[in-house]
Amino acid sequence: MQSFEITQKVLAIGPTYQVRTPASSDVLMTVKGKVLTATPKLTMVQGAEGSTVAQMNGNFFKTKFQIFGSDQKEIGSLEFPLIQLKKSFTLRVGATEYKADGGLLGRGFKITNGQGETVLEIQKELALKDKFSVVAGDQIPAEIALLAAVAIDQKFFENDN
């Protein structure tokens, strides 16, 4: 299992998230969003300004997010229901589909496989800025796990602050 912390930068132009390992100040990856777009477009880079690792594009209603690798090929996607009573989504990695349940408040998501085993946990922490802890199993690549947390923030918590 891999563990990460994602923190949204407050004083940034456009949505910007920094990825660290727990209890570390070193930035492993940075996710930067485009400013003034009708649909979310985010790029994950190595460190603070390194090479592109992955990209994520969302639709206008933020019900579908596609994740692309550095070679521009789709490596995963998230789909949120347009109308929902509780917060949930479907995560696809290759041909495998995972179900995510966040309950009514959506502060903690457990993503499970077909056998009901948890393969990814994303927990929104109480903080002044959006902060998430991510624990991913071996079935989910780190890029997809981290961008799933960013998609959750974009969908459910973007206008909370």
Protein backbone atom coordinates (compact mmCIF):
# COMPACT_ATOMS: atom_id res chain seq x y z
CA MET A 1 0.00 0.00 0.00
CA GLN A 2 1.21 3.48 -0.91
CA SER A 3 0.28 6.52 1.19
CA PHE A 4 0.15 10.14 0.03
CA GLU A 5 -1.09 13.53 1.17
CA ILE A 6 -2.55 16.01 -1.32
CA THR A 7 -2.88 19.67 -0.33
CA GLN A 8 -4.44 22.39 -2.44
CA LYS A 9 -2.40 25.58 -2.55
CA VAL A 10 -4.47 28.57 -1.45
CA LEU A 11 -2.60 31.43 -3.15
CA ALA A 12 -2.26 30.00 -6.65
CA ILE A 13 -3.59 31.04 -10.02
CA GLY A 14 -5.87 28.18 -10.94
CA PRO A 15 -6.29 24.97 -8.97
CA THR A 16 -2.90 23.70 -7.79
CA TYR A 17 -2.30 20.63 -5.62
CA GLN A 18 0.93 19.39 -4.07
CA VAL A 19 1.53 15.68 -3.43
CA ARG A 20 3.77 14.51 -0.57
CA THR A 21 4.34 11.36 1.41
CA PRO A 22 2.94 11.61 4.95
CA ALA A 23 5.16 13.60 7.35
CA SER A 24 7.43 14.83 4.55
CA SER A 25 7.92 18.34 3.23
CA ASP A 26 9.31 17.20 -0.15
CA VAL A 27 6.89 17.70 -3.07
CA LEU A 28 6.69 14.46 -5.07
CA MET A 29 4.27 15.75 -7.69
CA THR A 30 2.27 18.87 -8.47
CA VAL A 31 -1.14 18.96 -10.15
CA LYS A 32 -1.88 22.23 -11.94
CA GLY A 33 -5.21 23.23 -13.44
CA LYS A 34 -5.91 25.54 -16.35
CA VAL A 35 -7.45 28.93 -15.55
CA LEU A 36 -10.68 30.18 -17.13
CA THR A 37 -11.84 26.96 -18.77
CA ALA A 38 -15.40 25.65 -18.91
CA THR A 39 -14.14 22.14 -18.26
CA PRO A 40 -11.44 21.00 -15.80
CA LYS A 41 -8.02 20.39 -17.38
CA LEU A 42 -5.27 19.38 -14.98
CA THR A 43 -1.66 18.31 -15.52
CA MET A 44 0.43 16.29 -13.05
CA VAL A 45 4.16 16.99 -13.13
CA GLN A 46 7.12 15.43 -11.33
CA GLY A 47 8.17 17.53 -8.31
CA ALA A 48 7.22 21.20 -8.51
CA GLU A 49 8.07 21.92 -12.16
CA GLY A 50 9.26 18.63 -13.67
CA SER A 51 8.17 16.57 -16.63
CA THR A 52 4.52 15.65 -17.23
CA VAL A 53 3.44 12.41 -15.56
CA ALA A 54 -0.30 12.42 -16.38
CA GLN A 55 -3.21 14.64 -17.41
CA MET A 56 -6.87 14.70 -16.47
CA ASN A 57 -9.74 16.26 -18.39
CA GLY A 58 -13.30 16.62 -17.10
CA ASN A 59 -16.55 17.43 -18.82
CA PHE A 60 -18.67 20.55 -18.24
CA PHE A 61 -20.87 18.96 -15.53
CA LYS A 62 -17.88 17.26 -13.88
CA THR A 63 -19.54 13.87 -14.23
CA LYS A 64 -16.69 12.27 -16.21
CA PHE A 65 -12.95 12.67 -15.83
CA GLN A 66 -10.51 10.95 -18.20
CA ILE A 67 -6.92 10.31 -17.09
CA PHE A 68 -4.13 10.14 -19.67
CA GLY A 69 -0.56 8.96 -19.18
CA SER A 70 2.52 10.86 -20.31
CA ASP A 71 2.12 9.20 -23.74
CA GLN A 72 -1.39 10.75 -24.12
CA LYS A 73 -3.11 7.33 -23.96
CA GLU A 74 -6.08 6.93 -21.62
CA ILE A 75 -5.11 4.99 -18.50
CA GLY A 76 -8.25 5.47 -16.43
CA SER A 77 -11.50 7.35 -15.91
CA LEU A 78 -13.95 8.39 -13.21
CA GLU A 79 -17.69 8.69 -13.72
CA PHE A 80 -19.99 10.42 -11.24
CA PRO A 81 -23.80 10.12 -11.46
CA LEU A 82 -25.45 13.33 -12.70
CA ILE A 83 -28.08 13.12 -9.95
CA GLN A 84 -27.09 11.42 -6.72
CA LEU A 85 -28.38 11.09 -3.18
CA LYS A 86 -25.05 9.96 -1.81
CA LYS A 87 -21.58 10.70 -3.09
CA SER A 88 -20.24 7.90 -5.25
CA PHE A 89 -18.42 7.23 -8.51
CA THR A 90 -17.08 4.49 -10.74
CA LEU A 91 -13.34 4.22 -11.36
CA ARG A 92 -12.04 2.40 -14.43
CA VAL A 93 -8.41 1.30 -14.73
CA GLY A 94 -7.91 -0.44 -18.05
CA ALA A 95 -10.71 -3.00 -18.35
CA THR A 96 -11.27 -3.23 -14.58
CA GLU A 97 -14.11 -1.31 -12.93
CA TYR A 98 -14.16 -0.29 -9.27
CA LYS A 99 -17.04 1.17 -7.24
CA ALA A 100 -16.55 4.04 -4.81
CA ASP A 101 -18.85 4.99 -1.96
CA GLY A 102 -18.51 8.22 -0.01
CA GLY A 103 -21.81 8.17 1.86
CA LEU A 104 -23.92 11.32 2.23
CA LEU A 105 -21.12 13.72 3.19
CA GLY A 106 -18.41 12.33 0.90
CA ARG A 107 -15.54 13.05 3.26
CA GLY A 108 -14.18 9.51 3.00
CA PHE A 109 -14.31 7.29 -0.07
CA LYS A 110 -13.62 3.56 -0.14
CA ILE A 111 -13.03 2.17 -3.59
CA THR A 112 -13.63 -1.57 -3.81
CA ASN A 113 -13.13 -4.28 -6.39
CA GLY A 114 -15.72 -6.86 -7.47
CA GLN A 115 -14.97 -9.02 -4.41
CA GLY A 116 -15.60 -6.12 -2.02
CA GLU A 117 -11.91 -5.64 -1.12
CA THR A 118 -10.77 -2.05 -0.57
CA VAL A 119 -8.15 -1.10 -3.20
CA LEU A 120 -8.09 2.67 -2.63
CA GLU A 121 -9.07 4.99 0.23
CA ILE A 122 -9.40 8.75 -0.13
CA GLN A 123 -10.13 10.78 3.00
CA LYS A 124 -10.77 14.53 3.07
CA GLU A 125 -9.15 15.97 6.17
CA LEU A 126 -10.42 18.94 8.14
CA ALA A 127 -8.07 21.83 7.34
CA LEU A 128 -8.13 25.46 6.19
CA LYS A 129 -7.35 24.33 2.65
CA ASP A 130 -8.48 21.18 0.88
CA LYS A 131 -6.33 18.30 2.05
CA PHE A 132 -6.69 14.61 1.29
CA SER A 133 -4.99 11.45 2.45
CA VAL A 134 -4.72 8.74 -0.19
CA VAL A 135 -3.89 5.08 0.47
CA ALA A 136 -3.64 3.00 -2.70
CA GLY A 137 -3.20 -0.71 -3.20
CA ASP A 138 -1.06 -2.27 -5.91
CA GLN A 139 -4.02 -2.58 -8.32
CA ILE A 140 -4.34 1.20 -8.71
CA PRO A 141 -1.39 3.15 -10.22
CA ALA A 142 -0.33 6.12 -8.05
CA GLU A 143 -1.13 8.65 -10.80
CA ILE A 144 -4.72 7.42 -11.06
CA ALA A 145 -5.17 7.31 -7.27
CA LEU A 146 -3.88 10.86 -6.85
CA LEU A 147 -5.88 12.29 -9.75
CA ALA A 148 -9.01 10.53 -8.40
CA ALA A 149 -8.60 12.56 -5.19
CA VAL A 150 -8.23 15.75 -7.26
CA ALA A 151 -11.37 14.83 -9.26
CA ILE A 152 -13.28 14.36 -5.98
CA ASP A 153 -12.16 17.82 -4.88
CA GLN A 154 -13.14 19.32 -8.24
CA LYS A 155 -16.57 17.63 -8.16
CA PHE A 156 -17.61 17.98 -4.52
CA PHE A 157 -15.45 20.53 -2.67
CA GLU A 158 -14.21 23.10 -5.19
CA ASN A 159 -16.35 25.95 -3.85
CA ASP A 160 -16.19 25.02 -0.14
CA ASN A 161 -13.60 27.63 0.89
